[in-house]
Amino acid sequence: MNLMRYLLAAALLTLAWSAGAQLKPSTGKPPLTPPAAEPAPKTDAPAKGGSVEDAKEAAAQAAAEKWLALLDRGEFGKAWDEGALLFRERVTRQQWVDGLPATRTPFGAMKSRKFELAVYKTSLPGAPDGEYVTARFITAFEKKDQAE
C-alpha cells in the first residue's frame, strides 16, 4: 500500500470518528474507548425526508471538510491531534508531521475540492464493527489536477 493510500485510510478512520464527534454532545471528558472504534451515536431525528444514515453521512461530510482544511493549511500536527485514537496508536505524531509534507508537497497547493460521496458502514478494515461513515472527495491541486 503506497503512502498516499495509507494516509487516505488513516483519514477515513479519523473521519469515521469525526462524524461521530459531530453528532455527540460533549461531556468534557475524553472517551474511554478509541474514538474510531466508538459506534456513531444513534440519531433519532433524521433530516426531513431523509434517513438516519443520511444525517450521519451529512455530519461526516462536514467533519471531513473541517479536517481536510487543517491539512490544506499545513496544520498537520493539529490534524493528528484531532484524529482518532486508533489512528494515533498506529501512526506517531512525529511520523505524521514528518511524513505528510513529503507526500503532500509534490501536489502543490489545493485549488478546489468537490465532495463525491459519503457512505454509511457498519465495518471498516482494521477497526471493530460499529457505525461509520466514510467520505470521498475529488481534489484539484496546483500540480495534480485530480486526486481522490
C-alpha atoms as a PDB file:
ATOM      1  CA  MET A   1       0.000   0.000   0.000  1.00  0.00           C
ATOM      2  CA  ASN A   2       1.583   3.287  -1.015  1.00  0.00           C
ATOM      3  CA  LEU A   3       1.820   6.155   1.432  1.00  0.00           C
ATOM      4  CA  MET A   4      -0.973   8.198  -0.166  1.00  0.00           C
ATOM      5  CA  ARG A   5      -3.423   5.279   0.140  1.00  0.00           C
ATOM      6  CA  TYR A   6      -2.287   4.731   3.740  1.00  0.00           C
ATOM      7  CA  LEU A   7      -2.883   8.382   4.528  1.00  0.00           C
ATOM      8  CA  LEU A   8      -6.308   8.167   2.901  1.00  0.00           C
ATOM      9  CA  ALA A   9      -7.146   5.112   5.007  1.00  0.00           C
ATOM     10  CA  ALA A  10      -5.953   6.938   8.116  1.00  0.00           C
ATOM     11  CA  ALA A  11      -8.043   9.922   7.141  1.00  0.00           C
ATOM     12  CA  LEU A  12     -11.112   7.745   6.694  1.00  0.00           C
ATOM     13  CA  LEU A  13     -10.678   6.277  10.159  1.00  0.00           C
ATOM     14  CA  THR A  14     -10.280   9.769  11.504  1.00  0.00           C
ATOM     15  CA  LEU A  15     -13.345  10.916   9.623  1.00  0.00           C
ATOM     16  CA  ALA A  16     -15.350   7.977  10.910  1.00  0.00           C
ATOM     17  CA  TRP A  17     -14.606   9.228  14.384  1.00  0.00           C
ATOM     18  CA  SER A  18     -15.143  12.859  13.419  1.00  0.00           C
ATOM     19  CA  ALA A  19     -18.624  12.100  12.129  1.00  0.00           C
ATOM     20  CA  GLY A  20     -19.500  10.603  15.487  1.00  0.00           C
ATOM     21  CA  ALA A  21     -17.949  13.535  17.298  1.00  0.00           C
ATOM     22  CA  GLN A  22     -20.105  15.927  15.311  1.00  0.00           C
ATOM     23  CA  LEU A  23     -23.272  14.168  16.467  1.00  0.00           C
ATOM     24  CA  LYS A  24     -22.380  13.635  20.124  1.00  0.00           C
ATOM     25  CA  PRO A  25     -22.838  16.133  22.892  1.00  0.00           C
ATOM     26  CA  SER A  26     -19.504  16.867  24.515  1.00  0.00           C
ATOM     27  CA  THR A  27     -19.121  15.637  28.071  1.00  0.00           C
ATOM     28  CA  GLY A  28     -15.839  17.464  28.550  1.00  0.00           C
ATOM     29  CA  LYS A  29     -14.175  14.135  29.315  1.00  0.00           C
ATOM     30  CA  PRO A  30     -12.050  12.107  26.916  1.00  0.00           C
ATOM     31  CA  PRO A  31     -13.742   8.931  25.672  1.00  0.00           C
ATOM     32  CA  LEU A  32     -12.791   5.694  27.379  1.00  0.00           C
ATOM     33  CA  THR A  33     -12.689   3.761  24.127  1.00  0.00           C
ATOM     34  CA  PRO A  34     -10.846   4.685  20.944  1.00  0.00           C
ATOM     35  CA  PRO A  35     -12.938   7.198  19.003  1.00  0.00           C
ATOM     36  CA  ALA A  36     -12.547   5.270  15.729  1.00  0.00           C
ATOM     37  CA  ALA A  37     -13.867   2.169  17.469  1.00  0.00           C
ATOM     38  CA  GLU A  38     -16.741   4.010  19.086  1.00  0.00           C
ATOM     39  CA  PRO A  39     -20.037   3.479  17.327  1.00  0.00           C
ATOM     40  CA  ALA A  40     -21.564   6.550  15.798  1.00  0.00           C
ATOM     41  CA  PRO A  41     -24.339   7.825  18.017  1.00  0.00           C
ATOM     42  CA  LYS A  42     -27.922   6.901  17.344  1.00  0.00           C
ATOM     43  CA  THR A  43     -29.665   9.739  15.583  1.00  0.00           C
ATOM     44  CA  ASP A  44     -33.330   9.756  16.473  1.00  0.00           C
ATOM     45  CA  ALA A  45     -34.421  12.609  14.231  1.00  0.00           C
ATOM     46  CA  PRO A  46     -33.275  12.393  10.633  1.00  0.00           C
ATOM     47  CA  ALA A  47     -33.486  15.452   8.433  1.00  0.00           C
ATOM     48  CA  LYS A  48     -36.846  15.977   6.757  1.00  0.00           C
ATOM     49  CA  GLY A  49     -37.317  13.330   4.104  1.00  0.00           C
ATOM     50  CA  GLY A  50     -34.014  11.666   4.969  1.00  0.00           C
ATOM     51  CA  SER A  51     -32.885   8.612   6.868  1.00  0.00           C
ATOM     52  CA  VAL A  52     -30.754   8.347   9.968  1.00  0.00           C
ATOM     53  CA  GLU A  53     -27.895   7.218   7.724  1.00  0.00           C
ATOM     54  CA  ASP A  54     -28.375  10.347   5.570  1.00  0.00           C
ATOM     55  CA  ALA A  55     -27.985  12.529   8.661  1.00  0.00           C
ATOM     56  CA  LYS A  56     -24.823  10.698   9.688  1.00  0.00           C
ATOM     57  CA  GLU A  57     -23.423  10.996   6.162  1.00  0.00           C
ATOM     58  CA  ALA A  58     -24.101  14.745   6.140  1.00  0.00           C
ATOM     59  CA  ALA A  59     -22.383  15.156   9.520  1.00  0.00           C
ATOM     60  CA  ALA A  60     -19.403  13.150   8.265  1.00  0.00           C
ATOM     61  CA  GLN A  61     -19.105  15.355   5.189  1.00  0.00           C
ATOM     62  CA  ALA A  62     -18.994  18.490   7.349  1.00  0.00           C
ATOM     63  CA  ALA A  63     -16.451  16.954   9.727  1.00  0.00           C
ATOM     64  CA  ALA A  64     -14.299  15.753   6.827  1.00  0.00           C
ATOM     65  CA  GLU A  65     -14.266  19.196   5.251  1.00  0.00           C
ATOM     66  CA  LYS A  66     -13.069  20.750   8.517  1.00  0.00           C
ATOM     67  CA  TRP A  67     -10.371  18.093   8.979  1.00  0.00           C
ATOM     68  CA  LEU A  68      -9.150  18.377   5.392  1.00  0.00           C
ATOM     69  CA  ALA A  69      -8.961  22.158   5.807  1.00  0.00           C
ATOM     70  CA  LEU A  70      -6.366  21.551   8.535  1.00  0.00           C
ATOM     71  CA  LEU A  71      -4.280  19.603   6.040  1.00  0.00           C
ATOM     72  CA  ASP A  72      -4.750  22.309   3.398  1.00  0.00           C
ATOM     73  CA  ARG A  73      -3.405  24.895   5.847  1.00  0.00           C
ATOM     74  CA  GLY A  74      -0.437  22.673   6.706  1.00  0.00           C
ATOM     75  CA  GLU A  75      -1.666  22.135  10.268  1.00  0.00           C
ATOM     76  CA  PHE A  76      -0.524  18.513  10.224  1.00  0.00           C
ATOM     77  CA  GLY A  77       0.088  18.303  13.964  1.00  0.00           C
ATOM     78  CA  LYS A  78      -3.374  19.630  14.749  1.00  0.00           C
ATOM     79  CA  ALA A  79      -4.890  17.175  12.261  1.00  0.00           C
ATOM     80  CA  TRP A  80      -3.087  14.345  14.055  1.00  0.00           C
ATOM     81  CA  ASP A  81      -4.241  15.694  17.435  1.00  0.00           C
ATOM     82  CA  GLU A  82      -7.848  15.649  16.228  1.00  0.00           C
ATOM     83  CA  GLY A  83      -7.505  12.182  14.744  1.00  0.00           C
ATOM     84  CA  ALA A  84      -8.991   9.027  16.180  1.00  0.00           C
ATOM     85  CA  LEU A  85      -7.132   7.208  18.934  1.00  0.00           C
ATOM     86  CA  LEU A  86      -6.891   4.109  16.728  1.00  0.00           C
ATOM     87  CA  PHE A  87      -5.099   6.197  14.087  1.00  0.00           C
ATOM     88  CA  ARG A  88      -2.817   7.845  16.667  1.00  0.00           C
ATOM     89  CA  GLU A  89      -1.889   4.414  18.037  1.00  0.00           C
ATOM     90  CA  ARG A  90      -0.771   3.271  14.582  1.00  0.00           C
ATOM     91  CA  VAL A  91       0.997   6.424  13.404  1.00  0.00           C
ATOM     92  CA  THR A  92       3.049   8.536  15.778  1.00  0.00           C
ATOM     93  CA  ARG A  93       2.625  12.278  15.716  1.00  0.00           C
ATOM     94  CA  GLN A  94       6.222  12.636  14.566  1.00  0.00           C
ATOM     95  CA  GLN A  95       5.723  10.156  11.700  1.00  0.00           C
ATOM     96  CA  TRP A  96       2.616  12.046  10.590  1.00  0.00           C
ATOM     97  CA  VAL A  97       4.141  15.522  10.881  1.00  0.00           C
ATOM     98  CA  ASP A  98       7.359  14.445   9.126  1.00  0.00           C
ATOM     99  CA  GLY A  99       5.784  12.162   6.523  1.00  0.00           C
ATOM    100  CA  LEU A 100       2.727  14.046   5.364  1.00  0.00           C
ATOM    101  CA  PRO A 101       4.517  17.123   3.980  1.00  0.00           C
ATOM    102  CA  ALA A 102       6.812  14.875   1.938  1.00  0.00           C
ATOM    103  CA  THR A 103       3.764  13.155   0.470  1.00  0.00           C
ATOM    104  CA  ARG A 104       1.621  16.231   0.007  1.00  0.00           C
ATOM    105  CA  THR A 105       4.126  18.898  -1.113  1.00  0.00           C
ATOM    106  CA  PRO A 106       4.620  17.453  -4.621  1.00  0.00           C
ATOM    107  CA  PHE A 107       0.923  18.105  -5.316  1.00  0.00           C
ATOM    108  CA  GLY A 108       1.214  21.843  -4.622  1.00  0.00           C
ATOM    109  CA  ALA A 109      -1.494  23.945  -3.052  1.00  0.00           C
ATOM    110  CA  MET A 110      -5.096  22.780  -3.035  1.00  0.00           C
ATOM    111  CA  LYS A 111      -7.082  24.598  -5.736  1.00  0.00           C
ATOM    112  CA  SER A 112     -10.503  23.026  -5.295  1.00  0.00           C
ATOM    113  CA  ARG A 113     -12.230  20.132  -3.611  1.00  0.00           C
ATOM    114  CA  LYS A 114     -15.537  18.554  -4.549  1.00  0.00           C
ATOM    115  CA  PHE A 115     -17.460  16.232  -2.296  1.00  0.00           C
ATOM    116  CA  GLU A 116     -18.192  12.985  -4.131  1.00  0.00           C
ATOM    117  CA  LEU A 117     -19.977  10.718  -1.676  1.00  0.00           C
ATOM    118  CA  ALA A 118     -20.379   9.599   1.895  1.00  0.00           C
ATOM    119  CA  VAL A 119     -21.245   6.017   2.740  1.00  0.00           C
ATOM    120  CA  TYR A 120     -22.647   4.679   5.997  1.00  0.00           C
ATOM    121  CA  LYS A 121     -20.974   1.382   7.002  1.00  0.00           C
ATOM    122  CA  THR A 122     -21.051  -0.994   9.931  1.00  0.00           C
ATOM    123  CA  SER A 123     -17.471  -2.179   9.489  1.00  0.00           C
ATOM    124  CA  LEU A 124     -14.130  -0.862   8.289  1.00  0.00           C
ATOM    125  CA  PRO A 125     -10.946  -2.831   7.629  1.00  0.00           C
ATOM    126  CA  GLY A 126      -8.795  -2.902  10.755  1.00  0.00           C
ATOM    127  CA  ALA A 127     -11.471  -1.404  13.000  1.00  0.00           C
ATOM    128  CA  PRO A 128     -14.018  -3.015  15.304  1.00  0.00           C
ATOM    129  CA  ASP A 129     -17.557  -3.353  13.993  1.00  0.00           C
ATOM    130  CA  GLY A 130     -19.676  -0.302  14.682  1.00  0.00           C
ATOM    131  CA  GLU A 131     -21.317   2.520  12.803  1.00  0.00           C
ATOM    132  CA  TYR A 132     -19.048   4.528  10.497  1.00  0.00           C
ATOM    133  CA  VAL A 133     -19.300   6.954   7.656  1.00  0.00           C
ATOM    134  CA  THR A 134     -16.572   7.270   5.057  1.00  0.00           C
ATOM    135  CA  ALA A 135     -16.399  10.353   2.864  1.00  0.00           C
ATOM    136  CA  ARG A 136     -14.741  10.767  -0.516  1.00  0.00           C
ATOM    137  CA  PHE A 137     -13.648  13.993  -2.168  1.00  0.00           C
ATOM    138  CA  ILE A 138     -12.055  14.812  -5.507  1.00  0.00           C
ATOM    139  CA  THR A 139      -9.369  17.440  -5.036  1.00  0.00           C
ATOM    140  CA  ALA A 140      -7.510  19.515  -7.603  1.00  0.00           C
ATOM    141  CA  PHE A 141      -4.026  20.673  -6.696  1.00  0.00           C
ATOM    142  CA  GLU A 142      -1.630  23.052  -8.422  1.00  0.00           C
ATOM    143  CA  LYS A 143       0.498  20.201  -9.741  1.00  0.00           C
ATOM    144  CA  LYS A 144      -2.093  17.430  -9.873  1.00  0.00           C
ATOM    145  CA  ASP A 145      -5.459  18.097 -11.418  1.00  0.00           C
ATOM    146  CA  GLN A 146      -7.338  15.272  -9.759  1.00  0.00           C
ATOM    147  CA  ALA A 147      -6.634  13.314  -6.590  1.00  0.00           C
ATOM    148  CA  GLU A 148      -9.030  11.203  -4.540  1.00  0.00           C
END
